[in-house]
Amino acid sequence: MSEETNKTPELEELFEHLDTIVRRMQEDHVTLDESFRLYEQGMKDIRICTDLLNGIEKKMLVLSGDGTMEPLDAEEEQN
């Protein structure tokens, strides 16, 4: 179980967890304390998602006009 808690969650898992948090916060009987705890957890998940997406973006390559692969950032700088 500790191995499971130390691994970085996949984006899909994080999105599902965020969806669960939003649904839970929309329930009528959720206390203010519980809402705040859920909000904090959601913000942590969003930061992890952002870090994961930034890492993926850095790895992405685009096919240039001459058929070579270039990093995504290089393509954006040319435009």
PDB file of N, CA and C in Angstrom:
ATOM      1  N   MET A   1       0.819  -1.199   0.000  1.00  0.00           N
ATOM      2  CA  MET A   1       0.000   0.000   0.000  1.00  0.00           C
ATOM      3  C   MET A   1       0.860   1.259   0.000  1.00  0.00           C
ATOM      4  N   SER A   2       1.986   1.255   0.716  1.00  0.00           N
ATOM      5  CA  SER A   2       2.838   2.437   0.731  1.00  0.00           C
ATOM      6  C   SER A   2       3.409   2.715  -0.651  1.00  0.00           C
ATOM      7  N   GLU A   3       3.669   1.666  -1.423  1.00  0.00           N
ATOM      8  CA  GLU A   3       4.134   1.861  -2.793  1.00  0.00           C
ATOM      9  C   GLU A   3       3.070   2.595  -3.598  1.00  0.00           C
ATOM     10  N   GLU A   4       1.835   2.253  -3.364  1.00  0.00           N
ATOM     11  CA  GLU A   4       0.712   2.874  -4.064  1.00  0.00           C
ATOM     12  C   GLU A   4       0.589   4.354  -3.698  1.00  0.00           C
ATOM     13  N   THR A   5       0.811   4.711  -2.443  1.00  0.00           N
ATOM     14  CA  THR A   5       0.657   6.099  -2.021  1.00  0.00           C
ATOM     15  C   THR A   5       1.834   6.962  -2.450  1.00  0.00           C
ATOM     16  N   ASN A   6       2.988   6.353  -2.758  1.00  0.00           N
ATOM     17  CA  ASN A   6       4.158   7.117  -3.155  1.00  0.00           C
ATOM     18  C   ASN A   6       4.229   7.372  -4.653  1.00  0.00           C
ATOM     19  N   LYS A   7       3.431   6.683  -5.441  1.00  0.00           N
ATOM     20  CA  LYS A   7       3.493   6.882  -6.889  1.00  0.00           C
ATOM     21  C   LYS A   7       2.691   8.113  -7.284  1.00  0.00           C
ATOM     22  N   THR A   8       3.097   8.728  -8.388  1.00  0.00           N
ATOM     23  CA  THR A   8       2.364   9.875  -8.914  1.00  0.00           C
ATOM     24  C   THR A   8       1.122   9.360  -9.618  1.00  0.00           C
ATOM     25  N   PRO A   9      -0.037   9.893  -9.281  1.00  0.00           N
ATOM     26  CA  PRO A   9      -1.262   9.420  -9.931  1.00  0.00           C
ATOM     27  C   PRO A   9      -1.300   9.819 -11.401  1.00  0.00           C
ATOM     28  N   GLU A  10      -2.019   9.049 -12.181  1.00  0.00           N
ATOM     29  CA  GLU A  10      -2.215   9.357 -13.593  1.00  0.00           C
ATOM     30  C   GLU A  10      -3.201  10.518 -13.717  1.00  0.00           C
ATOM     31  N   LEU A  11      -3.137  11.215 -14.840  1.00  0.00           N
ATOM     32  CA  LEU A  11      -4.053  12.336 -15.071  1.00  0.00           C
ATOM     33  C   LEU A  11      -5.510  11.908 -14.959  1.00  0.00           C
ATOM     34  N   GLU A  12      -5.827  10.756 -15.538  1.00  0.00           N
ATOM     35  CA  GLU A  12      -7.213  10.291 -15.506  1.00  0.00           C
ATOM     36  C   GLU A  12      -7.699  10.089 -14.077  1.00  0.00           C
ATOM     37  N   GLU A  13      -6.828   9.534 -13.238  1.00  0.00           N
ATOM     38  CA  GLU A  13      -7.180   9.338 -11.826  1.00  0.00           C
ATOM     39  C   GLU A  13      -7.432  10.682 -11.145  1.00  0.00           C
ATOM     40  N   LEU A  14      -6.576  11.635 -11.430  1.00  0.00           N
ATOM     41  CA  LEU A  14      -6.724  12.962 -10.829  1.00  0.00           C
ATOM     42  C   LEU A  14      -8.009  13.634 -11.291  1.00  0.00           C
ATOM     43  N   PHE A  15      -8.321  13.526 -12.585  1.00  0.00           N
ATOM     44  CA  PHE A  15      -9.557  14.113 -13.103  1.00  0.00           C
ATOM     45  C   PHE A  15     -10.777  13.475 -12.449  1.00  0.00           C
ATOM     46  N   GLU A  16     -10.741  12.149 -12.284  1.00  0.00           N
ATOM     47  CA  GLU A  16     -11.854  11.465 -11.616  1.00  0.00           C
ATOM     48  C   GLU A  16     -11.984  11.937 -10.173  1.00  0.00           C
ATOM     49  N   HIS A  17     -10.853  12.082  -9.489  1.00  0.00           N
ATOM     50  CA  HIS A  17     -10.878  12.529  -8.098  1.00  0.00           C
ATOM     51  C   HIS A  17     -11.411  13.955  -8.001  1.00  0.00           C
ATOM     52  N   LEU A  18     -10.988  14.817  -8.922  1.00  0.00           N
ATOM     53  CA  LEU A  18     -11.501  16.191  -8.937  1.00  0.00           C
ATOM     54  C   LEU A  18     -13.003  16.209  -9.189  1.00  0.00           C
ATOM     55  N   ASP A  19     -13.476  15.357 -10.074  1.00  0.00           N
ATOM     56  CA  ASP A  19     -14.911  15.269 -10.345  1.00  0.00           C
ATOM     57  C   ASP A  19     -15.663  14.831  -9.088  1.00  0.00           C
ATOM     58  N   THR A  20     -15.107  13.869  -8.368  1.00  0.00           N
ATOM     59  CA  THR A  20     -15.715  13.405  -7.121  1.00  0.00           C
ATOM     60  C   THR A  20     -15.759  14.538  -6.093  1.00  0.00           C
ATOM     61  N   ILE A  21     -14.678  15.297  -6.004  1.00  0.00           N
ATOM     62  CA  ILE A  21     -14.624  16.421  -5.064  1.00  0.00           C
ATOM     63  C   ILE A  21     -15.706  17.441  -5.393  1.00  0.00           C
ATOM     64  N   VAL A  22     -15.842  17.786  -6.671  1.00  0.00           N
ATOM     65  CA  VAL A  22     -16.852  18.775  -7.075  1.00  0.00           C
ATOM     66  C   VAL A  22     -18.250  18.278  -6.735  1.00  0.00           C
ATOM     67  N   ARG A  23     -18.532  17.011  -7.057  1.00  0.00           N
ATOM     68  CA  ARG A  23     -19.862  16.460  -6.744  1.00  0.00           C
ATOM     69  C   ARG A  23     -20.119  16.473  -5.243  1.00  0.00           C
ATOM     70  N   ARG A  24     -19.111  16.123  -4.464  1.00  0.00           N
ATOM     71  CA  ARG A  24     -19.250  16.091  -3.001  1.00  0.00           C
ATOM     72  C   ARG A  24     -19.511  17.499  -2.457  1.00  0.00           C
ATOM     73  N   MET A  25     -18.804  18.490  -2.990  1.00  0.00           N
ATOM     74  CA  MET A  25     -18.978  19.864  -2.510  1.00  0.00           C
ATOM     75  C   MET A  25     -20.355  20.422  -2.863  1.00  0.00           C
ATOM     76  N   GLN A  26     -20.987  19.879  -3.876  1.00  0.00           N
ATOM     77  CA  GLN A  26     -22.304  20.357  -4.292  1.00  0.00           C
ATOM     78  C   GLN A  26     -23.442  19.742  -3.477  1.00  0.00           C
ATOM     79  N   GLU A  27     -23.121  18.753  -2.646  1.00  0.00           N
ATOM     80  CA  GLU A  27     -24.146  18.135  -1.816  1.00  0.00           C
ATOM     81  C   GLU A  27     -24.601  19.111  -0.731  1.00  0.00           C
ATOM     82  N   ASP A  28     -25.881  19.062  -0.416  1.00  0.00           N
ATOM     83  CA  ASP A  28     -26.470  19.999   0.547  1.00  0.00           C
ATOM     84  C   ASP A  28     -25.950  19.828   1.971  1.00  0.00           C
ATOM     85  N   HIS A  29     -25.634  18.617   2.365  1.00  0.00           N
ATOM     86  CA  HIS A  29     -25.303  18.360   3.769  1.00  0.00           C
ATOM     87  C   HIS A  29     -23.807  18.458   4.088  1.00  0.00           C
ATOM     88  N   VAL A  30     -22.985  18.934   3.167  1.00  0.00           N
ATOM     89  CA  VAL A  30     -21.548  19.048   3.418  1.00  0.00           C
ATOM     90  C   VAL A  30     -21.293  20.265   4.307  1.00  0.00           C
ATOM     91  N   THR A  31     -20.537  20.052   5.368  1.00  0.00           N
ATOM     92  CA  THR A  31     -20.233  21.151   6.292  1.00  0.00           C
ATOM     93  C   THR A  31     -19.200  22.101   5.680  1.00  0.00           C
ATOM     94  N   LEU A  32     -19.092  23.257   6.271  1.00  0.00           N
ATOM     95  CA  LEU A  32     -18.116  24.237   5.812  1.00  0.00           C
ATOM     96  C   LEU A  32     -16.696  23.692   5.970  1.00  0.00           C
ATOM     97  N   ASP A  33     -16.429  23.034   7.098  1.00  0.00           N
ATOM     98  CA  ASP A  33     -15.102  22.443   7.316  1.00  0.00           C
ATOM     99  C   ASP A  33     -14.783  21.396   6.259  1.00  0.00           C
ATOM    100  N   GLU A  34     -15.751  20.547   5.958  1.00  0.00           N
ATOM    101  CA  GLU A  34     -15.563  19.512   4.946  1.00  0.00           C
ATOM    102  C   GLU A  34     -15.361  20.148   3.570  1.00  0.00           C
ATOM    103  N   SER A  35     -16.118  21.184   3.266  1.00  0.00           N
ATOM    104  CA  SER A  35     -15.962  21.888   1.987  1.00  0.00           C
ATOM    105  C   SER A  35     -14.556  22.463   1.856  1.00  0.00           C
ATOM    106  N   PHE A  36     -14.050  23.043   2.926  1.00  0.00           N
ATOM    107  CA  PHE A  36     -12.710  23.617   2.892  1.00  0.00           C
ATOM    108  C   PHE A  36     -11.659  22.532   2.704  1.00  0.00           C
ATOM    109  N   ARG A  37     -11.820  21.406   3.393  1.00  0.00           N
ATOM    110  CA  ARG A  37     -10.883  20.285   3.245  1.00  0.00           C
ATOM    111  C   ARG A  37     -10.898  19.771   1.808  1.00  0.00           C
ATOM    112  N   LEU A  38     -12.094  19.628   1.242  1.00  0.00           N
ATOM    113  CA  LEU A  38     -12.223  19.175  -0.145  1.00  0.00           C
ATOM    114  C   LEU A  38     -11.588  20.179  -1.106  1.00  0.00           C
ATOM    115  N   TYR A  39     -11.794  21.459  -0.852  1.00  0.00           N
ATOM    116  CA  TYR A  39     -11.201  22.515  -1.677  1.00  0.00           C
ATOM    117  C   TYR A  39      -9.672  22.410  -1.660  1.00  0.00           C
ATOM    118  N   GLU A  40      -9.099  22.246  -0.465  1.00  0.00           N
ATOM    119  CA  GLU A  40      -7.645  22.124  -0.355  1.00  0.00           C
ATOM    120  C   GLU A  40      -7.134  20.920  -1.136  1.00  0.00           C
ATOM    121  N   GLN A  41      -7.831  19.788  -1.022  1.00  0.00           N
ATOM    122  CA  GLN A  41      -7.415  18.589  -1.745  1.00  0.00           C
ATOM    123  C   GLN A  41      -7.529  18.807  -3.248  1.00  0.00           C
ATOM    124  N   GLY A  42      -8.584  19.457  -3.675  1.00  0.00           N
ATOM    125  CA  GLY A  42      -8.756  19.757  -5.093  1.00  0.00           C
ATOM    126  C   GLY A  42      -7.638  20.635  -5.629  1.00  0.00           C
ATOM    127  N   MET A  43      -7.243  21.632  -4.855  1.00  0.00           N
ATOM    128  CA  MET A  43      -6.157  22.513  -5.288  1.00  0.00           C
ATOM    129  C   MET A  43      -4.835  21.748  -5.387  1.00  0.00           C
ATOM    130  N   LYS A  44      -4.595  20.817  -4.470  1.00  0.00           N
ATOM    131  CA  LYS A  44      -3.390  19.980  -4.554  1.00  0.00           C
ATOM    132  C   LYS A  44      -3.425  19.149  -5.832  1.00  0.00           C
ATOM    133  N   ASP A  45      -4.581  18.557  -6.117  1.00  0.00           N
ATOM    134  CA  ASP A  45      -4.726  17.747  -7.327  1.00  0.00           C
ATOM    135  C   ASP A  45      -4.509  18.591  -8.582  1.00  0.00           C
ATOM    136  N   ILE A  46      -5.019  19.811  -8.585  1.00  0.00           N
ATOM    137  CA  ILE A  46      -4.849  20.693  -9.745  1.00  0.00           C
ATOM    138  C   ILE A  46      -3.375  21.029  -9.953  1.00  0.00           C
ATOM    139  N   ARG A  47      -2.641  21.257  -8.866  1.00  0.00           N
ATOM    140  CA  ARG A  47      -1.203  21.533  -9.000  1.00  0.00           C
ATOM    141  C   ARG A  47      -0.477  20.326  -9.592  1.00  0.00           C
ATOM    142  N   ILE A  48      -0.836  19.124  -9.151  1.00  0.00           N
ATOM    143  CA  ILE A  48      -0.217  17.914  -9.692  1.00  0.00           C
ATOM    144  C   ILE A  48      -0.557  17.779 -11.174  1.00  0.00           C
ATOM    145  N   CYS A  49      -1.822  18.020 -11.535  1.00  0.00           N
ATOM    146  CA  CYS A  49      -2.239  17.965 -12.947  1.00  0.00           C
ATOM    147  C   CYS A  49      -1.431  18.951 -13.780  1.00  0.00           C
ATOM    148  N   THR A  50      -1.274  20.153 -13.280  1.00  0.00           N
ATOM    149  CA  THR A  50      -0.522  21.179 -14.008  1.00  0.00           C
ATOM    150  C   THR A  50       0.917  20.739 -14.224  1.00  0.00           C
ATOM    151  N   ASP A  51       1.540  20.199 -13.187  1.00  0.00           N
ATOM    152  CA  ASP A  51       2.920  19.720 -13.315  1.00  0.00           C
ATOM    153  C   ASP A  51       3.017  18.592 -14.336  1.00  0.00           C
ATOM    154  N   LEU A  52       2.075  17.643 -14.273  1.00  0.00           N
ATOM    155  CA  LEU A  52       2.083  16.536 -15.231  1.00  0.00           C
ATOM    156  C   LEU A  52       1.888  17.036 -16.657  1.00  0.00           C
ATOM    157  N   LEU A  53       0.945  17.933 -16.855  1.00  0.00           N
ATOM    158  CA  LEU A  53       0.684  18.464 -18.198  1.00  0.00           C
ATOM    159  C   LEU A  53       1.870  19.273 -18.722  1.00  0.00           C
ATOM    160  N   ASN A  54       2.520  20.031 -17.860  1.00  0.00           N
ATOM    161  CA  ASN A  54       3.714  20.771 -18.281  1.00  0.00           C
ATOM    162  C   ASN A  54       4.822  19.816 -18.715  1.00  0.00           C
ATOM    163  N   GLY A  55       4.978  18.715 -17.994  1.00  0.00           N
ATOM    164  CA  GLY A  55       5.974  17.712 -18.366  1.00  0.00           C
ATOM    165  C   GLY A  55       5.657  17.064 -19.699  1.00  0.00           C
ATOM    166  N   ILE A  56       4.393  16.763 -19.921  1.00  0.00           N
ATOM    167  CA  ILE A  56       3.970  16.167 -21.186  1.00  0.00           C
ATOM    168  C   ILE A  56       4.213  17.149 -22.325  1.00  0.00           C
ATOM    169  N   GLU A  57       3.866  18.402 -22.103  1.00  0.00           N
ATOM    170  CA  GLU A  57       4.045  19.419 -23.138  1.00  0.00           C
ATOM    171  C   GLU A  57       5.513  19.543 -23.546  1.00  0.00           C
ATOM    172  N   LYS A  58       6.415  19.462 -22.580  1.00  0.00           N
ATOM    173  CA  LYS A  58       7.840  19.568 -22.885  1.00  0.00           C
ATOM    174  C   LYS A  58       8.325  18.394 -23.727  1.00  0.00           C
ATOM    175  N   LYS A  59       7.687  17.242 -23.575  1.00  0.00           N
ATOM    176  CA  LYS A  59       8.095  16.048 -24.310  1.00  0.00           C
ATOM    177  C   LYS A  59       7.497  15.981 -25.711  1.00  0.00           C
ATOM    178  N   MET A  60       6.463  16.749 -25.946  1.00  0.00           N
ATOM    179  CA  MET A  60       5.783  16.672 -27.235  1.00  0.00           C
ATOM    180  C   MET A  60       6.675  17.184 -28.358  1.00  0.00           C
ATOM    181  N   LEU A  61       6.556  16.522 -29.491  1.00  0.00           N
ATOM    182  CA  LEU A  61       7.288  16.922 -30.679  1.00  0.00           C
ATOM    183  C   LEU A  61       6.295  17.221 -31.786  1.00  0.00           C
ATOM    184  N   VAL A  62       6.672  18.102 -32.662  1.00  0.00           N
ATOM    185  CA  VAL A  62       5.830  18.406 -33.819  1.00  0.00           C
ATOM    186  C   VAL A  62       6.628  18.135 -35.084  1.00  0.00           C
ATOM    187  N   LEU A  63       5.918  17.758 -36.115  1.00  0.00           N
ATOM    188  CA  LEU A  63       6.538  17.502 -37.401  1.00  0.00           C
ATOM    189  C   LEU A  63       6.670  18.827 -38.143  1.00  0.00           C
ATOM    190  N   SER A  64       7.902  19.183 -38.484  1.00  0.00           N
ATOM    191  CA  SER A  64       8.125  20.450 -39.185  1.00  0.00           C
ATOM    192  C   SER A  64       7.865  20.274 -40.679  1.00  0.00           C
ATOM    193  N   GLY A  65       7.895  21.369 -41.410  1.00  0.00           N
ATOM    194  CA  GLY A  65       7.624  21.348 -42.838  1.00  0.00           C
ATOM    195  C   GLY A  65       8.590  20.478 -43.628  1.00  0.00           C
ATOM    196  N   ASP A  66       9.841  20.353 -43.174  1.00  0.00           N
ATOM    197  CA  ASP A  66      10.812  19.546 -43.913  1.00  0.00           C
ATOM    198  C   ASP A  66      10.826  18.085 -43.461  1.00  0.00           C
ATOM    199  N   GLY A  67       9.868  17.696 -42.635  1.00  0.00           N
ATOM    200  CA  GLY A  67       9.736  16.296 -42.227  1.00  0.00           C
ATOM    201  C   GLY A  67      10.537  15.905 -41.009  1.00  0.00           C
ATOM    202  N   THR A  68      11.212  16.845 -40.369  1.00  0.00           N
ATOM    203  CA  THR A  68      11.953  16.528 -39.151  1.00  0.00           C
ATOM    204  C   THR A  68      11.086  16.810 -37.931  1.00  0.00           C
ATOM    205  N   MET A  69      11.435  16.162 -36.849  1.00  0.00           N
ATOM    206  CA  MET A  69      10.709  16.353 -35.597  1.00  0.00           C
ATOM    207  C   MET A  69      11.407  17.438 -34.782  1.00  0.00           C
ATOM    208  N   GLU A  70      10.621  18.379 -34.278  1.00  0.00           N
ATOM    209  CA  GLU A  70      11.152  19.465 -33.460  1.00  0.00           C
ATOM    210  C   GLU A  70      10.349  19.553 -32.172  1.00  0.00           C
ATOM    211  N   PRO A  71      10.984  20.022 -31.096  1.00  0.00           N
ATOM    212  CA  PRO A  71      10.217  20.229 -29.860  1.00  0.00           C
ATOM    213  C   PRO A  71       9.081  21.217 -30.096  1.00  0.00           C
ATOM    214  N   LEU A  72       8.006  21.047 -29.374  1.00  0.00           N
ATOM    215  CA  LEU A  72       6.834  21.902 -29.512  1.00  0.00           C
ATOM    216  C   LEU A  72       7.189  23.371 -29.316  1.00  0.00           C
ATOM    217  N   ASP A  73       8.042  23.688 -28.358  1.00  0.00           N
ATOM    218  CA  ASP A  73       8.416  25.071 -28.081  1.00  0.00           C
ATOM    219  C   ASP A  73       9.092  25.729 -29.278  1.00  0.00           C
ATOM    220  N   ALA A  74       9.925  24.993 -29.995  1.00  0.00           N
ATOM    221  CA  ALA A  74      10.620  25.550 -31.152  1.00  0.00           C
ATOM    222  C   ALA A  74       9.621  25.949 -32.227  1.00  0.00           C
ATOM    223  N   GLU A  75       8.580  25.173 -32.400  1.00  0.00           N
ATOM    224  CA  GLU A  75       7.541  25.479 -33.382  1.00  0.00           C
ATOM    225  C   GLU A  75       6.818  26.764 -32.999  1.00  0.00           C
ATOM    226  N   GLU A  76       6.513  26.938 -31.724  1.00  0.00           N
ATOM    227  CA  GLU A  76       5.809  28.130 -31.261  1.00  0.00           C
ATOM    228  C   GLU A  76       6.660  29.382 -31.439  1.00  0.00           C
ATOM    229  N   GLU A  77       7.981  29.268 -31.235  1.00  0.00           N
ATOM    230  CA  GLU A  77       8.866  30.417 -31.360  1.00  0.00           C
ATOM    231  C   GLU A  77       8.944  30.908 -32.796  1.00  0.00           C
ATOM    232  N   GLN A  78       8.773  30.005 -33.765  1.00  0.00           N
ATOM    233  CA  GLN A  78       8.850  30.381 -35.168  1.00  0.00           C
ATOM    234  C   GLN A  78       7.614  31.140 -35.616  1.00  0.00           C
ATOM    235  N   ASN A  79       6.490  30.963 -34.941  1.00  0.00           N
ATOM    236  CA  ASN A  79       5.227  31.608 -35.344  1.00  0.00           C
ATOM    237  C   ASN A  79       5.098  32.984 -34.806  1.00  0.00           C
TER     238      ASN A  79
END
